[in-house]
Protein backbone atom coordinates (compact mmCIF):
# COMPACT_ATOMS: atom_id res chain seq x y z
CA MET A 1 47.20 42.91 14.56
CA SER A 2 46.34 39.31 13.65
CA ARG A 3 49.17 37.32 12.12
CA LYS A 4 48.62 35.81 8.66
CA PRO A 5 48.72 32.01 8.42
CA GLU A 6 52.18 30.62 7.73
CA LYS A 7 52.77 28.90 4.38
CA SER A 8 54.59 25.64 3.70
CA VAL A 9 55.28 23.48 0.67
CA ARG A 10 54.00 19.91 0.67
CA ASP A 11 54.12 17.57 -2.35
CA GLY A 12 54.83 20.54 -4.58
CA ARG A 13 51.75 22.43 -3.31
CA VAL A 14 51.69 25.59 -1.23
CA THR A 15 49.47 25.12 1.81
CA GLU A 16 48.49 27.40 4.67
CA ARG A 17 49.29 26.41 8.22
CA GLY A 18 47.58 28.20 11.11
CA VAL A 19 49.41 29.77 14.04
CA SER A 20 50.58 27.06 16.42
CA ILE A 21 49.84 26.69 20.10
CA ARG A 22 53.59 26.87 20.63
CA ALA A 23 53.62 30.37 19.10
CA VAL A 24 50.85 31.47 21.45
CA ALA A 25 52.74 30.10 24.45
CA ALA A 26 55.89 31.96 23.37
CA ARG A 27 54.01 35.23 22.88
CA ALA A 28 52.29 34.94 26.28
CA GLN A 29 55.47 33.65 27.95
CA VAL A 30 53.72 30.62 29.40
CA SER A 31 53.85 26.87 28.86
CA ILE A 32 51.95 25.08 26.10
CA ALA A 33 49.99 23.28 28.84
CA THR A 34 48.81 26.62 30.22
CA VAL A 35 47.62 27.76 26.78
CA SER A 36 45.81 24.44 26.36
CA ARG A 37 44.04 24.84 29.70
CA VAL A 38 42.89 28.37 28.87
CA VAL A 39 41.69 27.33 25.41
CA ASN A 40 39.80 24.37 26.84
CA GLY A 41 38.13 26.37 29.60
CA VAL A 42 40.17 24.90 32.45
CA ALA A 43 41.92 28.10 33.45
CA ASN A 44 41.30 27.92 37.19
CA MET A 45 44.90 26.82 37.81
CA ALA A 46 46.28 30.03 36.27
CA SER A 47 46.17 33.55 37.66
CA PRO A 48 43.74 36.06 36.09
CA GLU A 49 46.75 37.98 34.77
CA THR A 50 48.09 34.84 33.04
CA VAL A 51 44.70 34.02 31.55
CA ALA A 52 44.39 37.59 30.23
CA ARG A 53 47.88 37.39 28.72
CA VAL A 54 47.10 34.10 26.95
CA ARG A 55 43.82 35.42 25.56
CA ALA A 56 45.57 38.56 24.34
CA ALA A 57 48.16 36.41 22.55
CA ILE A 58 45.39 34.31 21.00
CA THR A 59 43.72 37.45 19.65
CA GLU A 60 46.96 39.08 18.45
CA LEU A 61 48.15 36.00 16.58
CA GLY A 62 44.76 34.95 15.27
CA TYR A 63 45.19 31.48 16.77
CA ARG A 64 42.45 28.94 16.19
CA PRO A 65 42.58 25.36 17.51
CA SER A 66 42.51 22.54 14.99
CA SER A 67 38.96 22.01 13.81
CA ALA A 68 39.45 18.28 13.20
CA GLY A 69 38.31 17.27 16.67
CA ARG A 70 35.34 19.61 16.57
CA SER A 71 34.25 18.39 13.15
CA LEU A 72 34.42 14.78 14.26
CA ARG A 73 32.49 15.62 17.39
CA GLN A 74 29.80 17.48 15.45
CA ARG A 75 29.32 14.51 13.11
CA GLN A 76 29.01 11.92 15.84
CA SER A 77 27.39 13.46 18.92
CA ARG A 78 23.62 13.49 19.30
CA LEU A 79 23.76 15.63 22.45
CA VAL A 80 22.95 19.34 22.40
CA ALA A 81 23.39 21.24 25.67
CA VAL A 82 20.98 23.97 26.74
CA ILE A 83 22.10 26.04 29.73
CA ALA A 84 19.25 28.25 30.93
CA ALA A 85 19.61 31.18 33.30
CA ASN A 86 16.44 30.43 35.27
CA LEU A 87 14.17 27.47 34.62
CA ALA A 88 11.78 28.72 37.30
CA ASN A 89 10.75 31.30 34.69
CA PRO A 90 7.98 29.70 32.58
CA ALA A 91 9.18 31.67 29.56
CA MET A 92 12.58 29.98 29.61
CA THR A 93 10.98 26.59 30.22
CA ALA A 94 8.73 27.10 27.20
CA ILE A 95 11.70 27.97 24.98
CA ALA A 96 13.64 24.93 26.26
CA ALA A 97 10.61 22.73 25.52
CA SER A 98 10.43 24.11 21.98
CA VAL A 99 14.12 23.34 21.45
CA GLU A 100 13.71 19.79 22.81
CA VAL A 101 10.88 19.01 20.39
CA ALA A 102 12.83 20.36 17.40
CA LEU A 103 15.96 18.42 18.37
CA ARG A 104 14.05 15.18 18.89
CA GLU A 105 12.50 15.51 15.42
CA ARG A 106 16.08 15.59 14.03
CA GLY A 107 17.23 12.61 16.08
CA LEU A 108 19.13 14.77 18.57
CA VAL A 109 19.01 14.72 22.38
CA LEU A 110 18.72 17.67 24.78
CA ALA A 111 20.89 17.98 27.91
CA LEU A 112 19.34 20.71 30.06
CA CYS A 113 21.02 22.65 32.91
CA ASP A 114 20.04 25.66 35.03
CA SER A 115 22.82 28.18 35.79
CA HIS A 116 20.61 30.25 38.12
CA ASP A 117 22.23 33.29 36.49
CA ARG A 118 25.52 32.47 38.28
CA ALA A 119 28.78 32.75 36.33
CA GLU A 120 30.61 30.03 38.27
CA LEU A 121 27.76 27.54 37.81
CA GLN A 122 27.51 28.36 34.13
CA ASP A 123 31.24 27.62 33.76
CA GLU A 124 30.86 24.33 35.61
CA TYR A 125 28.13 23.24 33.21
CA LEU A 126 30.03 24.48 30.16
CA LEU A 127 33.03 22.37 31.12
CA GLU A 128 30.88 19.33 31.92
CA MET A 129 28.96 19.56 28.64
CA ARG A 130 32.21 19.91 26.71
CA SER A 131 33.50 16.73 28.33
CA HIS A 132 30.38 14.99 27.00
CA LEU A 133 31.31 16.08 23.46
CA VAL A 134 28.05 17.92 22.81
CA ARG A 135 27.35 18.93 19.25
CA ALA A 136 26.59 22.51 20.29
CA THR A 137 25.86 24.50 23.44
CA VAL A 138 22.80 26.75 23.55
CA LEU A 139 22.94 29.47 26.20
CA LEU A 140 19.43 30.56 27.10
CA GLY A 141 20.37 33.72 28.98
CA ALA A 142 24.17 33.79 29.22
CA VAL A 143 26.18 35.74 31.79
CA ALA A 144 29.78 36.87 31.36
CA SER A 145 32.20 34.26 32.73
CA PRO A 146 35.82 33.14 32.23
CA GLY A 147 34.81 29.71 30.94
CA LEU A 148 32.43 31.19 28.39
CA ALA A 149 35.15 33.54 27.12
CA ALA A 150 37.58 30.62 26.83
CA MET A 151 35.10 28.49 24.88
CA ARG A 152 34.31 31.36 22.56
CA ASP A 153 38.03 31.97 21.95
CA ALA A 154 38.48 28.25 21.26
CA GLY A 155 35.86 28.37 18.53
CA GLU A 156 33.43 26.02 20.27
CA PRO A 157 29.92 25.92 18.69
CA LEU A 158 27.87 28.29 20.87
CA ILE A 159 24.39 29.70 20.24
CA PHE A 160 23.03 32.57 22.34
CA VAL A 161 19.28 32.79 22.90
CA ASN A 162 17.34 35.81 24.28
CA ARG A 163 20.54 37.50 25.52
CA ARG A 164 23.41 38.26 23.17
CA CYS A 165 26.91 37.00 23.95
CA PRO A 166 28.16 39.17 26.84
CA ASP A 167 31.58 39.81 25.27
CA ASP A 168 31.03 39.53 21.52
CA ASP A 169 27.94 40.80 19.74
CA GLY A 170 28.99 38.92 16.61
CA GLU A 171 28.31 35.47 18.09
CA PRO A 172 25.26 33.47 16.85
CA PHE A 173 22.07 34.92 18.37
CA ILE A 174 18.37 34.07 18.36
CA GLY A 175 15.80 36.35 19.97
CA ILE A 176 13.44 39.26 19.51
CA ASP A 177 14.45 42.87 18.83
CA ASN A 178 14.36 43.89 22.48
CA ALA A 179 14.98 47.59 21.79
CA LYS A 180 11.98 47.69 19.44
CA ALA A 181 9.95 45.68 21.97
CA GLY A 182 10.80 48.32 24.59
CA GLN A 183 9.63 51.05 22.25
CA ASP A 184 6.38 49.17 21.64
CA ALA A 185 5.87 48.72 25.39
CA ALA A 186 6.22 52.47 25.85
CA GLY A 187 3.84 53.02 22.94
CA PHE A 188 1.24 50.88 24.72
CA PHE A 189 1.03 53.56 27.43
CA LEU A 190 1.67 56.61 25.25
CA ALA A 191 -1.24 55.64 22.97
CA ARG A 192 -3.46 55.88 26.04
CA GLY A 193 -2.06 59.25 27.08
CA LEU A 194 -0.29 57.72 30.10
CA THR A 195 3.15 59.20 30.85
CA ASP A 196 3.21 58.73 34.64
CA ILE A 197 5.09 55.45 34.33
CA VAL A 198 7.58 53.48 36.44
CA VAL A 199 9.86 50.80 34.98
CA VAL A 200 10.91 47.81 37.11
CA HIS A 201 13.76 45.63 35.89
CA GLY A 202 16.35 42.99 36.79
CA HIS A 203 20.15 43.14 36.65
CA LEU A 204 21.86 45.00 33.83
CA GLY A 205 24.13 42.10 32.94
CA SER A 206 21.39 40.97 30.55
CA SER A 207 21.48 42.49 27.06
CA ALA A 208 17.74 41.84 26.80
CA THR A 209 17.07 44.01 29.86
CA VAL A 210 19.45 46.76 28.73
CA ASP A 211 17.89 46.87 25.25
CA ARG A 212 14.35 46.88 26.63
CA LEU A 213 15.10 49.74 28.99
CA GLY A 214 16.84 51.65 26.22
CA GLY A 215 13.84 51.29 23.94
CA ILE A 216 11.42 52.37 26.66
CA GLY A 217 13.48 55.41 27.58
CA ALA A 218 13.98 56.47 23.96
CA ALA A 219 10.27 56.25 23.17
CA PHE A 220 9.19 58.33 26.16
CA ALA A 221 11.91 60.88 25.46
CA ALA A 222 10.82 61.15 21.80
CA ALA A 223 7.26 61.79 23.01
CA GLY A 224 8.47 64.68 25.20
CA ALA A 225 7.86 62.71 28.40
CA ALA A 226 11.39 61.60 29.34
CA LEU A 227 11.57 59.31 32.35
CA SER A 228 13.95 60.39 35.12
CA PRO A 229 16.44 57.85 36.55
CA GLU A 230 14.28 57.61 39.67
CA ARG A 231 11.55 56.07 37.52
CA PHE A 232 13.67 52.95 36.95
CA LEU A 233 13.54 50.56 39.94
CA THR A 234 15.42 47.34 40.71
CA SER A 235 16.85 45.34 43.61
CA ALA A 236 20.40 44.02 43.34
CA GLY A 237 20.83 40.27 43.77
CA ALA A 238 17.12 39.46 44.02
CA GLU A 239 14.99 37.07 41.97
CA HIS A 240 12.48 38.65 39.60
CA LEU A 241 9.46 37.89 41.78
CA GLU A 242 11.15 39.59 44.72
CA ILE A 243 12.27 42.55 42.59
CA GLY A 244 8.65 43.19 41.65
CA HIS A 245 7.41 42.72 45.19
CA ARG A 246 9.99 45.16 46.59
CA ALA A 247 9.20 47.70 43.90
CA ALA A 248 5.52 47.60 44.84
CA ALA A 249 6.42 48.22 48.49
CA ALA A 250 8.59 51.19 47.50
CA LEU A 251 5.82 52.68 45.38
CA LEU A 252 3.23 52.18 48.11
CA ALA A 253 5.52 54.01 50.53
CA GLY A 254 5.33 57.09 48.29
CA ASN A 255 2.54 59.59 48.18
CA THR A 256 0.92 58.39 44.94
CA LEU A 257 1.04 55.35 42.72
CA PRO A 258 1.97 55.74 39.04
CA ALA A 259 -0.62 55.30 36.33
CA GLY A 260 1.31 52.38 34.89
CA ILE A 261 4.19 50.01 35.60
CA ILE A 262 6.32 48.44 32.88
CA CYS A 263 8.01 45.29 34.14
CA ALA A 264 10.98 43.93 32.19
CA SER A 265 9.64 40.38 32.70
CA ASP A 266 6.31 38.80 33.55
CA MET A 267 7.85 37.37 36.73
CA ILE A 268 8.59 40.90 37.93
CA ALA A 269 4.99 41.83 37.11
CA PHE A 270 3.73 38.88 39.18
CA GLY A 271 5.73 40.10 42.17
CA ALA A 272 4.55 43.70 41.79
CA HIS A 273 0.91 42.66 41.48
CA ARG A 274 1.19 40.46 44.56
CA GLY A 275 2.60 43.36 46.57
CA LEU A 276 -0.20 45.70 45.47
CA VAL A 277 -2.88 43.09 46.25
CA GLU A 278 -1.39 42.44 49.69
CA ALA A 279 -1.64 46.17 50.38
CA GLY A 280 -5.40 45.94 49.84
CA LEU A 281 -5.66 47.80 46.53
CA ALA A 282 -8.93 47.21 44.73
CA PRO A 283 -8.72 46.22 41.05
CA GLY A 284 -9.91 49.66 40.00
CA ALA A 285 -7.12 51.37 41.97
CA MET A 286 -4.34 49.25 40.44
CA PRO A 287 -1.78 50.84 38.14
CA ARG A 288 -1.92 49.37 34.65
CA LEU A 289 0.72 46.61 34.38
CA LEU A 290 2.66 45.52 31.30
CA GLY A 291 5.19 42.69 31.31
CA PHE A 292 7.58 41.04 28.87
CA ASP A 293 7.51 37.40 27.64
CA ASP A 294 3.77 36.65 27.92
CA ASN A 295 4.60 33.29 29.42
CA PRO A 296 2.16 30.43 28.83
CA LEU A 297 0.64 30.67 32.32
CA ASN A 298 -0.65 34.22 31.83
CA PRO A 299 -4.09 33.36 30.41
CA TRP A 300 -4.62 31.02 33.39
CA VAL A 301 -3.13 32.88 36.35
CA ALA A 302 -2.68 36.48 35.17
CA PRO A 303 -5.60 37.51 32.95
CA TRP A 304 -4.98 41.06 34.20
CA LEU A 305 -1.48 41.25 32.67
CA SER A 306 -0.81 42.71 29.24
CA SER A 307 2.57 41.62 27.93
CA VAL A 308 5.07 41.67 25.08
CA ARG A 309 4.81 38.14 23.68
CA ILE A 310 7.85 36.29 22.38
CA PRO A 311 7.17 33.41 19.93
CA TYR A 312 8.20 30.39 22.00
CA GLN A 313 7.43 27.79 19.35
CA ALA A 314 9.71 29.45 16.79
CA TYR A 315 12.85 29.07 18.90
CA GLY A 316 13.27 25.33 18.48
CA ASP A 317 13.39 25.35 14.69
CA ALA A 318 15.68 28.40 14.71
CA VAL A 319 18.14 26.67 17.05
CA VAL A 320 18.21 23.49 14.95
CA ARG A 321 18.70 25.40 11.70
CA MET A 322 21.59 27.29 13.27
CA ILE A 323 23.18 24.04 14.49
CA GLU A 324 22.81 22.56 10.99
CA GLY A 325 24.35 25.64 9.41
CA THR A 326 21.29 26.46 7.31
CA ALA A 327 20.47 29.75 9.06
CA PRO A 328 22.20 33.13 9.39
CA ARG A 329 24.21 33.92 12.52
CA ARG A 330 21.48 36.27 13.75
CA ILE A 331 17.80 35.36 13.78
CA ILE A 332 15.38 38.06 14.96
CA LEU A 333 11.92 36.70 15.75
CA ASP A 334 8.70 38.71 15.70
CA HIS A 335 7.11 39.94 18.93
CA GLU A 336 3.66 41.33 19.63
CA ILE A 337 1.84 43.03 22.47
CA VAL A 338 -1.02 41.06 24.00
CA ASP A 339 -3.51 43.55 25.44
CA ARG A 340 -5.50 42.20 28.37
CA SER A 341 -6.23 45.61 29.88
CA SER A 342 -9.95 45.41 29.04
CA ARG A 343 -10.40 42.18 31.04
C-alpha cells in the first residue's frame, strides 16, 4: 500500500512533504546512493535482486523524486529525444520525420537514435539522452528494459508511440487501435470469402503485434473460420524482411499455398513477396498479400500490396501536443485499409 505524504508545519501553514529517498533506502535496506542510481537509470552496479527490492520500495512508499529539476529542465531544453526501434523501416522513418517537422515549428530540436529493437542499446540511449537534459523522450517502438523501467519509476517525461509501454499501459501513448486494425485486416479477406489465410508476424514483445494478431484471430473466429496456431508463422531473432522470406519458403515447402497472407508489417510482406517471386510464381498464382503500415514507398515499389495505413503526418502534432500538456495521455489515430488488389 502506498504511504500518504508526511505533513509538516511551516510558517503556521500545514504543508505536505513527499516520501524521502532516505525512507526508500531504509525500506529496501540499501544505501541512498544505490536508490539514486536505480532512480536515475544507472542500476548496472547493483544486482538484479537489489534493483527489484529498490523498485518495490519505491512502489510501496509512493516515492516520487523532486520535480524541481525536471520542471527546470522542461522549461529550458529545446531537445526532444526520439528512440526508434528500427529506422530501416520506412514507416518508422516517416513518423520520425513528421515529429521533426512538428518540433521544428515549435522551436524544438529532434535528437534521433535507433535501438535496433535491443534492450541494452535502448537503455544506453535513454541514459545518454537524459544526460543531455532532453525535454521529453519519445519511444517509437519501445522494448522492455531495466533503464526504461527506472526512468518510468523516476517520473521522467516519456511518450510511447506505436507500441504501448511494455510494463505500464497507463503511460502516455500515441498510435492506432491495433486490435481494430487486425479485425479490419481479417475483414478484408472475409469480405471476399477467403478463409484459407496464413498470418506472418514479428516478435511478441511488441504490443502492436500482439494486438494485431489478437484482432485477426478474433475476427476469423467470430466468422466461424478460426485460425489454428499453425497458421501463425514467425522466425525468432530475425529482421522483418527475413521473417517474411522464411515464411514464404516454409509455405512453398508445403503442398499448397494459402489464398491469402496477412503480414503484421509491410516489411514482412516485402520479404514474403520476394520469396514467392524467387520461386518462380506468376502474378496470377500469388496468394493475396495484405500488410500493415502502408509505408510511403508502397505506391512506388509495391503496387501489388494492400495495407492497413497509419496516418504518418498526424503523429508529429500529437507528440508535440502531448509534450506541451494540451493533449490526453492516450491519442488513438484513425487507420484505413488501402486496397491495391485490383492493380
